[in-house]
Amino acid sequence: MIRFILLQNRQGKTRLAKYYVALEDSEKHKVEYEVHRLVVNRDPKFTNFVEFRTHKVIYRRYAGLFFSICVDITDNELAYLECIHLFVEILDHFFSNVCELDLVFNFHKVTLCFTRLI
């Protein structure tokens, strides 16, 4: 089961966040900060799967953006990694060479693409 999905830049600014479990705002900010610190400092030669609390985070870096999905520990990592890649391909096709500014200025379109994918 997906817990949350985050799109963050290298500086830690969250560009898109979708939570599938109820969390308070303070907890959401804490989770976003912890996930960012976890994935941004990781060596690129390591896998894109990392344990986070009692779950695991599957992430992928595309240019300056980190796409992260938190799921249960027993879920299939490769399926979620493929889901991230598919989402990026959809965005790339939709915006023709997507960049971070496309996500900021066309937030409603990104959210629409995202909700249809998941």
PDB file of N, CA and C in Angstrom:
ATOM      1  N   MET A   1       0.830  -1.171   0.000  1.00  0.00           N
ATOM      2  CA  MET A   1       0.000   0.000   0.000  1.00  0.00           C
ATOM      3  C   MET A   1       0.885   1.249   0.000  1.00  0.00           C
ATOM      4  N   ILE A   2       0.520   2.203  -0.807  1.00  0.00           N
ATOM      5  CA  ILE A   2       1.264   3.457  -0.875  1.00  0.00           C
ATOM      6  C   ILE A   2       0.908   4.318   0.327  1.00  0.00           C
ATOM      7  N   ARG A   3       1.912   4.826   1.008  1.00  0.00           N
ATOM      8  CA  ARG A   3       1.720   5.727   2.148  1.00  0.00           C
ATOM      9  C   ARG A   3       1.701   7.184   1.699  1.00  0.00           C
ATOM     10  N   PHE A   4       2.698   7.558   0.890  1.00  0.00           N
ATOM     11  CA  PHE A   4       2.746   8.910   0.346  1.00  0.00           C
ATOM     12  C   PHE A   4       3.660   8.946  -0.861  1.00  0.00           C
ATOM     13  N   ILE A   5       3.488  10.009  -1.649  1.00  0.00           N
ATOM     14  CA  ILE A   5       4.311  10.242  -2.828  1.00  0.00           C
ATOM     15  C   ILE A   5       4.803  11.676  -2.753  1.00  0.00           C
ATOM     16  N   LEU A   6       6.103  11.861  -2.993  1.00  0.00           N
ATOM     17  CA  LEU A   6       6.710  13.189  -2.922  1.00  0.00           C
ATOM     18  C   LEU A   6       7.519  13.473  -4.180  1.00  0.00           C
ATOM     19  N   LEU A   7       7.412  14.695  -4.666  1.00  0.00           N
ATOM     20  CA  LEU A   7       8.300  15.214  -5.692  1.00  0.00           C
ATOM     21  C   LEU A   7       9.029  16.390  -5.072  1.00  0.00           C
ATOM     22  N   GLN A   8      10.347  16.263  -4.965  1.00  0.00           N
ATOM     23  CA  GLN A   8      11.150  17.287  -4.305  1.00  0.00           C
ATOM     24  C   GLN A   8      12.340  17.659  -5.178  1.00  0.00           C
ATOM     25  N   ASN A   9      12.764  18.921  -5.075  1.00  0.00           N
ATOM     26  CA  ASN A   9      13.969  19.310  -5.795  1.00  0.00           C
ATOM     27  C   ASN A   9      15.198  19.039  -4.929  1.00  0.00           C
ATOM     28  N   ARG A  10      16.382  19.357  -5.453  1.00  0.00           N
ATOM     29  CA  ARG A  10      17.615  19.055  -4.720  1.00  0.00           C
ATOM     30  C   ARG A  10      17.765  19.852  -3.438  1.00  0.00           C
ATOM     31  N   GLN A  11      17.099  21.003  -3.362  1.00  0.00           N
ATOM     32  CA  GLN A  11      17.189  21.831  -2.167  1.00  0.00           C
ATOM     33  C   GLN A  11      16.205  21.403  -1.085  1.00  0.00           C
ATOM     34  N   GLY A  12      15.312  20.470  -1.405  1.00  0.00           N
ATOM     35  CA  GLY A  12      14.360  19.983  -0.413  1.00  0.00           C
ATOM     36  C   GLY A  12      12.987  20.607  -0.508  1.00  0.00           C
ATOM     37  N   LYS A  13      12.779  21.463  -1.486  1.00  0.00           N
ATOM     38  CA  LYS A  13      11.469  22.091  -1.680  1.00  0.00           C
ATOM     39  C   LYS A  13      10.522  21.060  -2.285  1.00  0.00           C
ATOM     40  N   THR A  14       9.420  20.819  -1.607  1.00  0.00           N
ATOM     41  CA  THR A  14       8.455  19.839  -2.081  1.00  0.00           C
ATOM     42  C   THR A  14       7.583  20.473  -3.159  1.00  0.00           C
ATOM     43  N   ARG A  15       7.569  19.866  -4.334  1.00  0.00           N
ATOM     44  CA  ARG A  15       6.799  20.372  -5.460  1.00  0.00           C
ATOM     45  C   ARG A  15       5.445  19.695  -5.582  1.00  0.00           C
ATOM     46  N   LEU A  16       5.341  18.464  -5.127  1.00  0.00           N
ATOM     47  CA  LEU A  16       4.069  17.746  -5.117  1.00  0.00           C
ATOM     48  C   LEU A  16       4.111  16.747  -3.978  1.00  0.00           C
ATOM     49  N   ALA A  17       3.052  16.695  -3.206  1.00  0.00           N
ATOM     50  CA  ALA A  17       2.950  15.741  -2.102  1.00  0.00           C
ATOM     51  C   ALA A  17       1.539  15.195  -2.072  1.00  0.00           C
ATOM     52  N   LYS A  18       1.437  13.888  -2.060  1.00  0.00           N
ATOM     53  CA  LYS A  18       0.133  13.229  -1.967  1.00  0.00           C
ATOM     54  C   LYS A  18       0.239  12.182  -0.865  1.00  0.00           C
ATOM     55  N   TYR A  19      -0.599  12.319   0.161  1.00  0.00           N
ATOM     56  CA  TYR A  19      -0.581  11.404   1.295  1.00  0.00           C
ATOM     57  C   TYR A  19      -1.819  10.527   1.254  1.00  0.00           C
ATOM     58  N   TYR A  20      -1.625   9.234   1.440  1.00  0.00           N
ATOM     59  CA  TYR A  20      -2.725   8.279   1.456  1.00  0.00           C
ATOM     60  C   TYR A  20      -3.041   7.792   2.863  1.00  0.00           C
ATOM     61  N   VAL A  21      -2.327   8.330   3.835  1.00  0.00           N
ATOM     62  CA  VAL A  21      -2.611   8.079   5.245  1.00  0.00           C
ATOM     63  C   VAL A  21      -2.752   9.438   5.929  1.00  0.00           C
ATOM     64  N   ALA A  22      -3.553   9.476   6.957  1.00  0.00           N
ATOM     65  CA  ALA A  22      -3.804  10.747   7.646  1.00  0.00           C
ATOM     66  C   ALA A  22      -2.598  11.122   8.506  1.00  0.00           C
ATOM     67  N   LEU A  23      -2.057  12.313   8.234  1.00  0.00           N
ATOM     68  CA  LEU A  23      -0.955  12.856   9.021  1.00  0.00           C
ATOM     69  C   LEU A  23      -1.247  14.331   9.289  1.00  0.00           C
ATOM     70  N   GLU A  24      -0.809  14.798  10.442  1.00  0.00           N
ATOM     71  CA  GLU A  24      -0.933  16.222  10.739  1.00  0.00           C
ATOM     72  C   GLU A  24       0.098  16.992   9.915  1.00  0.00           C
ATOM     73  N   ASP A  25      -0.129  18.285   9.753  1.00  0.00           N
ATOM     74  CA  ASP A  25       0.769  19.104   8.942  1.00  0.00           C
ATOM     75  C   ASP A  25       2.204  19.085   9.465  1.00  0.00           C
ATOM     76  N   SER A  26       2.361  19.131  10.762  1.00  0.00           N
ATOM     77  CA  SER A  26       3.713  19.113  11.333  1.00  0.00           C
ATOM     78  C   SER A  26       4.413  17.788  11.027  1.00  0.00           C
ATOM     79  N   GLU A  27       3.666  16.697  11.082  1.00  0.00           N
ATOM     80  CA  GLU A  27       4.235  15.388  10.762  1.00  0.00           C
ATOM     81  C   GLU A  27       4.573  15.288   9.273  1.00  0.00           C
ATOM     82  N   LYS A  28       3.743  15.879   8.431  1.00  0.00           N
ATOM     83  CA  LYS A  28       4.021  15.876   6.989  1.00  0.00           C
ATOM     84  C   LYS A  28       5.330  16.595   6.688  1.00  0.00           C
ATOM     85  N   HIS A  29       5.541  17.755   7.294  1.00  0.00           N
ATOM     86  CA  HIS A  29       6.776  18.501   7.081  1.00  0.00           C
ATOM     87  C   HIS A  29       7.980  17.720   7.593  1.00  0.00           C
ATOM     88  N   LYS A  30       7.806  17.052   8.701  1.00  0.00           N
ATOM     89  CA  LYS A  30       8.891  16.245   9.261  1.00  0.00           C
ATOM     90  C   LYS A  30       9.234  15.080   8.329  1.00  0.00           C
ATOM     91  N   VAL A  31       8.212  14.422   7.805  1.00  0.00           N
ATOM     92  CA  VAL A  31       8.420  13.304   6.884  1.00  0.00           C
ATOM     93  C   VAL A  31       9.114  13.791   5.615  1.00  0.00           C
ATOM     94  N   GLU A  32       8.663  14.907   5.069  1.00  0.00           N
ATOM     95  CA  GLU A  32       9.269  15.452   3.848  1.00  0.00           C
ATOM     96  C   GLU A  32      10.744  15.776   4.076  1.00  0.00           C
ATOM     97  N   TYR A  33      11.053  16.360   5.218  1.00  0.00           N
ATOM     98  CA  TYR A  33      12.441  16.686   5.541  1.00  0.00           C
ATOM     99  C   TYR A  33      13.287  15.411   5.677  1.00  0.00           C
ATOM    100  N   GLU A  34      12.764  14.425   6.381  1.00  0.00           N
ATOM    101  CA  GLU A  34      13.514  13.181   6.600  1.00  0.00           C
ATOM    102  C   GLU A  34      13.741  12.425   5.301  1.00  0.00           C
ATOM    103  N   VAL A  35      12.720  12.349   4.461  1.00  0.00           N
ATOM    104  CA  VAL A  35      12.855  11.640   3.180  1.00  0.00           C
ATOM    105  C   VAL A  35      13.868  12.355   2.306  1.00  0.00           C
ATOM    106  N   HIS A  36      13.811  13.669   2.273  1.00  0.00           N
ATOM    107  CA  HIS A  36      14.775  14.416   1.456  1.00  0.00           C
ATOM    108  C   HIS A  36      16.201  14.156   1.917  1.00  0.00           C
ATOM    109  N   ARG A  37      16.432  14.235   3.202  1.00  0.00           N
ATOM    110  CA  ARG A  37      17.783  13.979   3.726  1.00  0.00           C
ATOM    111  C   ARG A  37      18.237  12.557   3.440  1.00  0.00           C
ATOM    112  N   LEU A  38      17.293  11.642   3.429  1.00  0.00           N
ATOM    113  CA  LEU A  38      17.601  10.232   3.191  1.00  0.00           C
ATOM    114  C   LEU A  38      18.040   9.990   1.750  1.00  0.00           C
ATOM    115  N   VAL A  39      17.332  10.573   0.792  1.00  0.00           N
ATOM    116  CA  VAL A  39      17.608  10.263  -0.611  1.00  0.00           C
ATOM    117  C   VAL A  39      18.661  11.169  -1.241  1.00  0.00           C
ATOM    118  N   VAL A  40      18.756  12.415  -0.806  1.00  0.00           N
ATOM    119  CA  VAL A  40      19.680  13.338  -1.458  1.00  0.00           C
ATOM    120  C   VAL A  40      21.138  13.010  -1.129  1.00  0.00           C
ATOM    121  N   ASN A  41      21.396  12.484   0.039  1.00  0.00           N
ATOM    122  CA  ASN A  41      22.766  12.177   0.447  1.00  0.00           C
ATOM    123  C   ASN A  41      23.213  10.772   0.068  1.00  0.00           C
ATOM    124  N   ARG A  42      22.361  10.025  -0.565  1.00  0.00           N
ATOM    125  CA  ARG A  42      22.677   8.645  -0.926  1.00  0.00           C
ATOM    126  C   ARG A  42      23.547   8.599  -2.177  1.00  0.00           C
ATOM    127  N   ASP A  43      24.516   7.727  -2.157  1.00  0.00           N
ATOM    128  CA  ASP A  43      25.420   7.560  -3.296  1.00  0.00           C
ATOM    129  C   ASP A  43      24.646   6.983  -4.489  1.00  0.00           C
ATOM    130  N   PRO A  44      24.841   7.523  -5.681  1.00  0.00           N
ATOM    131  CA  PRO A  44      24.093   7.038  -6.856  1.00  0.00           C
ATOM    132  C   PRO A  44      24.347   5.571  -7.209  1.00  0.00           C
ATOM    133  N   LYS A  45      25.442   5.002  -6.743  1.00  0.00           N
ATOM    134  CA  LYS A  45      25.702   3.604  -7.081  1.00  0.00           C
ATOM    135  C   LYS A  45      24.919   2.624  -6.199  1.00  0.00           C
ATOM    136  N   PHE A  46      24.269   3.131  -5.158  1.00  0.00           N
ATOM    137  CA  PHE A  46      23.411   2.289  -4.326  1.00  0.00           C
ATOM    138  C   PHE A  46      22.048   2.112  -4.982  1.00  0.00           C
ATOM    139  N   THR A  47      21.274   1.181  -4.453  1.00  0.00           N
ATOM    140  CA  THR A  47      19.938   0.954  -5.003  1.00  0.00           C
ATOM    141  C   THR A  47      19.015   2.121  -4.708  1.00  0.00           C
ATOM    142  N   ASN A  48      17.896   2.148  -5.390  1.00  0.00           N
ATOM    143  CA  ASN A  48      16.909   3.215  -5.212  1.00  0.00           C
ATOM    144  C   ASN A  48      15.859   2.840  -4.180  1.00  0.00           C
ATOM    145  N   PHE A  49      16.149   1.871  -3.343  1.00  0.00           N
ATOM    146  CA  PHE A  49      15.232   1.430  -2.295  1.00  0.00           C
ATOM    147  C   PHE A  49      15.920   1.636  -0.956  1.00  0.00           C
ATOM    148  N   VAL A  50      15.208   2.232  -0.008  1.00  0.00           N
ATOM    149  CA  VAL A  50      15.799   2.465   1.305  1.00  0.00           C
ATOM    150  C   VAL A  50      14.708   2.322   2.367  1.00  0.00           C
ATOM    151  N   GLU A  51      15.086   1.739   3.502  1.00  0.00           N
ATOM    152  CA  GLU A  51      14.117   1.587   4.590  1.00  0.00           C
ATOM    153  C   GLU A  51      13.897   2.929   5.265  1.00  0.00           C
ATOM    154  N   PHE A  52      12.633   3.181   5.602  1.00  0.00           N
ATOM    155  CA  PHE A  52      12.245   4.430   6.244  1.00  0.00           C
ATOM    156  C   PHE A  52      11.230   4.094   7.323  1.00  0.00           C
ATOM    157  N   ARG A  53      11.657   4.248   8.577  1.00  0.00           N
ATOM    158  CA  ARG A  53      10.831   3.873   9.718  1.00  0.00           C
ATOM    159  C   ARG A  53      10.418   2.410   9.567  1.00  0.00           C
ATOM    160  N   THR A  54       9.115   2.120   9.501  1.00  0.00           N
ATOM    161  CA  THR A  54       8.674   0.727   9.335  1.00  0.00           C
ATOM    162  C   THR A  54       8.226   0.453   7.906  1.00  0.00           C
ATOM    163  N   HIS A  55       8.593   1.329   6.983  1.00  0.00           N
ATOM    164  CA  HIS A  55       8.212   1.183   5.576  1.00  0.00           C
ATOM    165  C   HIS A  55       9.468   1.263   4.730  1.00  0.00           C
ATOM    166  N   LYS A  56       9.293   1.391   3.432  1.00  0.00           N
ATOM    167  CA  LYS A  56      10.442   1.623   2.572  1.00  0.00           C
ATOM    168  C   LYS A  56      10.102   2.686   1.549  1.00  0.00           C
ATOM    169  N   VAL A  57      11.120   3.408   1.160  1.00  0.00           N
ATOM    170  CA  VAL A  57      10.984   4.481   0.178  1.00  0.00           C
ATOM    171  C   VAL A  57      11.668   4.036  -1.101  1.00  0.00           C
ATOM    172  N   ILE A  58      10.936   4.132  -2.194  1.00  0.00           N
ATOM    173  CA  ILE A  58      11.475   3.883  -3.519  1.00  0.00           C
ATOM    174  C   ILE A  58      11.588   5.246  -4.170  1.00  0.00           C
ATOM    175  N   TYR A  59      12.751   5.589  -4.668  1.00  0.00           N
ATOM    176  CA  TYR A  59      12.947   6.916  -5.230  1.00  0.00           C
ATOM    177  C   TYR A  59      13.727   6.836  -6.530  1.00  0.00           C
ATOM    178  N   ARG A  60      13.626   7.907  -7.297  1.00  0.00           N
ATOM    179  CA  ARG A  60      14.388   8.011  -8.532  1.00  0.00           C
ATOM    180  C   ARG A  60      14.674   9.477  -8.783  1.00  0.00           C
ATOM    181  N   ARG A  61      15.871   9.776  -9.201  1.00  0.00           N
ATOM    182  CA  ARG A  61      16.234  11.163  -9.494  1.00  0.00           C
ATOM    183  C   ARG A  61      16.220  11.373 -10.998  1.00  0.00           C
ATOM    184  N   TYR A  62      15.486  12.375 -11.408  1.00  0.00           N
ATOM    185  CA  TYR A  62      15.473  12.802 -12.800  1.00  0.00           C
ATOM    186  C   TYR A  62      15.866  14.275 -12.819  1.00  0.00           C
ATOM    187  N   ALA A  63      17.015  14.574 -13.415  1.00  0.00           N
ATOM    188  CA  ALA A  63      17.573  15.930 -13.447  1.00  0.00           C
ATOM    189  C   ALA A  63      17.673  16.445 -12.014  1.00  0.00           C
ATOM    190  N   GLY A  64      16.957  17.495 -11.672  1.00  0.00           N
ATOM    191  CA  GLY A  64      17.048  18.062 -10.330  1.00  0.00           C
ATOM    192  C   GLY A  64      15.901  17.684  -9.430  1.00  0.00           C
ATOM    193  N   LEU A  65      15.086  16.702  -9.831  1.00  0.00           N
ATOM    194  CA  LEU A  65      13.915  16.316  -9.043  1.00  0.00           C
ATOM    195  C   LEU A  65      14.035  14.892  -8.523  1.00  0.00           C
ATOM    196  N   PHE A  66      13.583  14.707  -7.294  1.00  0.00           N
ATOM    197  CA  PHE A  66      13.509  13.381  -6.692  1.00  0.00           C
ATOM    198  C   PHE A  66      12.047  12.964  -6.615  1.00  0.00           C
ATOM    199  N   PHE A  67      11.721  11.826  -7.199  1.00  0.00           N
ATOM    200  CA  PHE A  67      10.382  11.242  -7.136  1.00  0.00           C
ATOM    201  C   PHE A  67      10.454  10.116  -6.112  1.00  0.00           C
ATOM    202  N   SER A  68       9.708  10.240  -5.017  1.00  0.00           N
ATOM    203  CA  SER A  68       9.778   9.266  -3.922  1.00  0.00           C
ATOM    204  C   SER A  68       8.398   8.713  -3.612  1.00  0.00           C
ATOM    205  N   ILE A  69       8.344   7.390  -3.402  1.00  0.00           N
ATOM    206  CA  ILE A  69       7.104   6.726  -3.010  1.00  0.00           C
ATOM    207  C   ILE A  69       7.403   5.900  -1.767  1.00  0.00           C
ATOM    208  N   CYS A  70       6.594   6.085  -0.730  1.00  0.00           N
ATOM    209  CA  CYS A  70       6.734   5.301   0.494  1.00  0.00           C
ATOM    210  C   CYS A  70       5.667   4.210   0.486  1.00  0.00           C
ATOM    211  N   VAL A  71       6.094   2.961   0.652  1.00  0.00           N
ATOM    212  CA  VAL A  71       5.181   1.817   0.593  1.00  0.00           C
ATOM    213  C   VAL A  71       5.458   0.871   1.752  1.00  0.00           C
ATOM    214  N   ASP A  72       4.596  -0.121   1.873  1.00  0.00           N
ATOM    215  CA  ASP A  72       4.810  -1.151   2.886  1.00  0.00           C
ATOM    216  C   ASP A  72       6.079  -1.930   2.578  1.00  0.00           C
ATOM    217  N   ILE A  73       6.631  -2.527   3.595  1.00  0.00           N
ATOM    218  CA  ILE A  73       7.904  -3.225   3.477  1.00  0.00           C
ATOM    219  C   ILE A  73       7.804  -4.456   2.569  1.00  0.00           C
ATOM    220  N   THR A  74       6.620  -5.021   2.419  1.00  0.00           N
ATOM    221  CA  THR A  74       6.457  -6.243   1.622  1.00  0.00           C
ATOM    222  C   THR A  74       6.097  -5.982   0.169  1.00  0.00           C
ATOM    223  N   ASP A  75       5.893  -4.734  -0.214  1.00  0.00           N
ATOM    224  CA  ASP A  75       5.508  -4.422  -1.590  1.00  0.00           C
ATOM    225  C   ASP A  75       6.674  -4.593  -2.553  1.00  0.00           C
ATOM    226  N   ASN A  76       6.342  -4.748  -3.830  1.00  0.00           N
ATOM    227  CA  ASN A  76       7.336  -4.961  -4.878  1.00  0.00           C
ATOM    228  C   ASN A  76       7.992  -3.638  -5.277  1.00  0.00           C
ATOM    229  N   GLU A  77       9.288  -3.525  -5.034  1.00  0.00           N
ATOM    230  CA  GLU A  77      10.011  -2.292  -5.322  1.00  0.00           C
ATOM    231  C   GLU A  77      10.064  -1.976  -6.810  1.00  0.00           C
ATOM    232  N   LEU A  78      10.287  -2.988  -7.622  1.00  0.00           N
ATOM    233  CA  LEU A  78      10.455  -2.761  -9.060  1.00  0.00           C
ATOM    234  C   LEU A  78       9.177  -2.270  -9.722  1.00  0.00           C
ATOM    235  N   ALA A  79       8.039  -2.696  -9.219  1.00  0.00           N
ATOM    236  CA  ALA A  79       6.773  -2.223  -9.769  1.00  0.00           C
ATOM    237  C   ALA A  79       6.607  -0.727  -9.501  1.00  0.00           C
ATOM    238  N   TYR A  80       6.965  -0.269  -8.320  1.00  0.00           N
ATOM    239  CA  TYR A  80       6.857   1.148  -7.996  1.00  0.00           C
ATOM    240  C   TYR A  80       7.921   1.974  -8.715  1.00  0.00           C
ATOM    241  N   LEU A  81       9.087   1.404  -8.913  1.00  0.00           N
ATOM    242  CA  LEU A  81      10.117   2.097  -9.678  1.00  0.00           C
ATOM    243  C   LEU A  81       9.662   2.290 -11.124  1.00  0.00           C
ATOM    244  N   GLU A  82       9.009   1.286 -11.666  1.00  0.00           N
ATOM    245  CA  GLU A  82       8.445   1.382 -13.009  1.00  0.00           C
ATOM    246  C   GLU A  82       7.317   2.412 -13.053  1.00  0.00           C
ATOM    247  N   CYS A  83       6.537   2.501 -12.003  1.00  0.00           N
ATOM    248  CA  CYS A  83       5.462   3.492 -11.904  1.00  0.00           C
ATOM    249  C   CYS A  83       6.029   4.912 -11.920  1.00  0.00           C
ATOM    250  N   ILE A  84       7.117   5.128 -11.206  1.00  0.00           N
ATOM    251  CA  ILE A  84       7.772   6.440 -11.211  1.00  0.00           C
ATOM    252  C   ILE A  84       8.241   6.776 -12.616  1.00  0.00           C
ATOM    253  N   HIS A  85       8.867   5.808 -13.275  1.00  0.00           N
ATOM    254  CA  HIS A  85       9.372   6.034 -14.627  1.00  0.00           C
ATOM    255  C   HIS A  85       8.237   6.337 -15.604  1.00  0.00           C
ATOM    256  N   LEU A  86       7.134   5.619 -15.473  1.00  0.00           N
ATOM    257  CA  LEU A  86       5.977   5.858 -16.328  1.00  0.00           C
ATOM    258  C   LEU A  86       5.421   7.265 -16.112  1.00  0.00           C
ATOM    259  N   PHE A  87       5.341   7.703 -14.872  1.00  0.00           N
ATOM    260  CA  PHE A  87       4.859   9.039 -14.563  1.00  0.00           C
ATOM    261  C   PHE A  87       5.755  10.098 -15.192  1.00  0.00           C
ATOM    262  N   VAL A  88       7.065   9.910 -15.120  1.00  0.00           N
ATOM    263  CA  VAL A  88       8.005  10.858 -15.719  1.00  0.00           C
ATOM    264  C   VAL A  88       7.861  10.864 -17.236  1.00  0.00           C
ATOM    265  N   GLU A  89       7.676   9.703 -17.833  1.00  0.00           N
ATOM    266  CA  GLU A  89       7.469   9.648 -19.284  1.00  0.00           C
ATOM    267  C   GLU A  89       6.191  10.363 -19.696  1.00  0.00           C
ATOM    268  N   ILE A  90       5.133  10.210 -18.912  1.00  0.00           N
ATOM    269  CA  ILE A  90       3.873  10.907 -19.201  1.00  0.00           C
ATOM    270  C   ILE A  90       4.078  12.414 -19.107  1.00  0.00           C
ATOM    271  N   LEU A  91       4.743  12.865 -18.052  1.00  0.00           N
ATOM    272  CA  LEU A  91       5.016  14.297 -17.907  1.00  0.00           C
ATOM    273  C   LEU A  91       5.881  14.817 -19.047  1.00  0.00           C
ATOM    274  N   ASP A  92       6.877  14.037 -19.432  1.00  0.00           N
ATOM    275  CA  ASP A  92       7.776  14.443 -20.503  1.00  0.00           C
ATOM    276  C   ASP A  92       7.032  14.553 -21.828  1.00  0.00           C
ATOM    277  N   HIS A  93       6.138  13.636 -22.062  1.00  0.00           N
ATOM    278  CA  HIS A  93       5.340  13.682 -23.294  1.00  0.00           C
ATOM    279  C   HIS A  93       4.350  14.841 -23.252  1.00  0.00           C
ATOM    280  N   PHE A  94       3.745  15.053 -22.110  1.00  0.00           N
ATOM    281  CA  PHE A  94       2.734  16.095 -21.956  1.00  0.00           C
ATOM    282  C   PHE A  94       3.324  17.491 -22.090  1.00  0.00           C
ATOM    283  N   PHE A  95       4.497  17.714 -21.456  1.00  0.00           N
ATOM    284  CA  PHE A  95       5.121  19.036 -21.464  1.00  0.00           C
ATOM    285  C   PHE A  95       6.246  19.149 -22.486  1.00  0.00           C
ATOM    286  N   SER A  96       6.544  18.083 -23.205  1.00  0.00           N
ATOM    287  CA  SER A  96       7.667  18.031 -24.152  1.00  0.00           C
ATOM    288  C   SER A  96       8.957  18.550 -23.508  1.00  0.00           C
ATOM    289  N   ASN A  97       9.648  17.633 -22.891  1.00  0.00           N
ATOM    290  CA  ASN A  97      10.876  17.891 -22.137  1.00  0.00           C
ATOM    291  C   ASN A  97      10.571  18.671 -20.852  1.00  0.00           C
ATOM    292  N   VAL A  98       9.984  17.977 -19.902  1.00  0.00           N
ATOM    293  CA  VAL A  98       9.512  18.566 -18.648  1.00  0.00           C
ATOM    294  C   VAL A  98      10.680  19.074 -17.802  1.00  0.00           C
ATOM    295  N   CYS A  99      10.426  20.160 -17.071  1.00  0.00           N
ATOM    296  CA  CYS A  99      11.397  20.681 -16.119  1.00  0.00           C
ATOM    297  C   CYS A  99      10.644  21.071 -14.847  1.00  0.00           C
ATOM    298  N   GLU A 100      11.389  21.480 -13.844  1.00  0.00           N
ATOM    299  CA  GLU A 100      10.781  21.810 -12.553  1.00  0.00           C
ATOM    300  C   GLU A 100       9.795  22.969 -12.658  1.00  0.00           C
ATOM    301  N   LEU A 101      10.071  23.923 -13.516  1.00  0.00           N
ATOM    302  CA  LEU A 101       9.161  25.063 -13.683  1.00  0.00           C
ATOM    303  C   LEU A 101       7.813  24.641 -14.257  1.00  0.00           C
ATOM    304  N   ASP A 102       7.814  23.603 -15.096  1.00  0.00           N
ATOM    305  CA  ASP A 102       6.539  23.083 -15.599  1.00  0.00           C
ATOM    306  C   ASP A 102       5.682  22.571 -14.452  1.00  0.00           C
ATOM    307  N   LEU A 103       6.312  21.935 -13.491  1.00  0.00           N
ATOM    308  CA  LEU A 103       5.574  21.422 -12.339  1.00  0.00           C
ATOM    309  C   LEU A 103       5.036  22.550 -11.475  1.00  0.00           C
ATOM    310  N   VAL A 104       5.798  23.626 -11.346  1.00  0.00           N
ATOM    311  CA  VAL A 104       5.390  24.745 -10.500  1.00  0.00           C
ATOM    312  C   VAL A 104       4.251  25.533 -11.139  1.00  0.00           C
ATOM    313  N   PHE A 105       4.401  25.871 -12.419  1.00  0.00           N
ATOM    314  CA  PHE A 105       3.434  26.743 -13.067  1.00  0.00           C
ATOM    315  C   PHE A 105       2.224  26.016 -13.649  1.00  0.00           C
ATOM    316  N   ASN A 106       2.299  24.712 -13.765  1.00  0.00           N
ATOM    317  CA  ASN A 106       1.175  23.919 -14.277  1.00  0.00           C
ATOM    318  C   ASN A 106       0.790  22.849 -13.271  1.00  0.00           C
ATOM    319  N   PHE A 107       0.699  23.252 -12.018  1.00  0.00           N
ATOM    320  CA  PHE A 107       0.448  22.315 -10.929  1.00  0.00           C
ATOM    321  C   PHE A 107      -0.835  21.525 -11.148  1.00  0.00           C
ATOM    322  N   HIS A 108      -1.878  22.161 -11.616  1.00  0.00           N
ATOM    323  CA  HIS A 108      -3.161  21.495 -11.807  1.00  0.00           C
ATOM    324  C   HIS A 108      -3.068  20.403 -12.870  1.00  0.00           C
ATOM    325  N   LYS A 109      -2.278  20.609 -13.908  1.00  0.00           N
ATOM    326  CA  LYS A 109      -2.114  19.600 -14.951  1.00  0.00           C
ATOM    327  C   LYS A 109      -1.300  18.414 -14.442  1.00  0.00           C
ATOM    328  N   VAL A 110      -0.275  18.717 -13.650  1.00  0.00           N
ATOM    329  CA  VAL A 110       0.557  17.650 -13.083  1.00  0.00           C
ATOM    330  C   VAL A 110      -0.268  16.790 -12.139  1.00  0.00           C
ATOM    331  N   THR A 111      -1.071  17.424 -11.314  1.00  0.00           N
ATOM    332  CA  THR A 111      -1.918  16.694 -10.378  1.00  0.00           C
ATOM    333  C   THR A 111      -2.916  15.820 -11.118  1.00  0.00           C
ATOM    334  N   LEU A 112      -3.466  16.332 -12.203  1.00  0.00           N
ATOM    335  CA  LEU A 112      -4.405  15.558 -13.011  1.00  0.00           C
ATOM    336  C   LEU A 112      -3.727  14.330 -13.618  1.00  0.00           C
ATOM    337  N   CYS A 113      -2.541  14.508 -14.173  1.00  0.00           N
ATOM    338  CA  CYS A 113      -1.788  13.364 -14.726  1.00  0.00           C
ATOM    339  C   CYS A 113      -1.488  12.348 -13.635  1.00  0.00           C
ATOM    340  N   PHE A 114      -1.120  12.859 -12.487  1.00  0.00           N
ATOM    341  CA  PHE A 114      -0.727  12.002 -11.381  1.00  0.00           C
ATOM    342  C   PHE A 114      -1.900  11.168 -10.854  1.00  0.00           C
ATOM    343  N   THR A 115      -3.058  11.796 -10.678  1.00  0.00           N
ATOM    344  CA  THR A 115      -4.201  11.075 -10.133  1.00  0.00           C
ATOM    345  C   THR A 115      -4.719  10.022 -11.112  1.00  0.00           C
ATOM    346  N   ARG A 116      -4.571  10.260 -12.382  1.00  0.00           N
ATOM    347  CA  ARG A 116      -5.000   9.268 -13.373  1.00  0.00           C
ATOM    348  C   ARG A 116      -4.059   8.077 -13.426  1.00  0.00           C
ATOM    349  N   LEU A 117      -2.789   8.321 -13.152  1.00  0.00           N
ATOM    350  CA  LEU A 117      -1.813   7.237 -13.176  1.00  0.00           C
ATOM    351  C   LEU A 117      -1.997   6.299 -11.994  1.00  0.00           C
ATOM    352  N   ILE A 118      -2.176   6.849 -10.798  1.00  0.00           N
ATOM    353  CA  ILE A 118      -2.291   6.043  -9.588  1.00  0.00           C
ATOM    354  C   ILE A 118      -3.731   5.746  -9.366  1.00  0.00           C
TER     355      ILE A 118
END
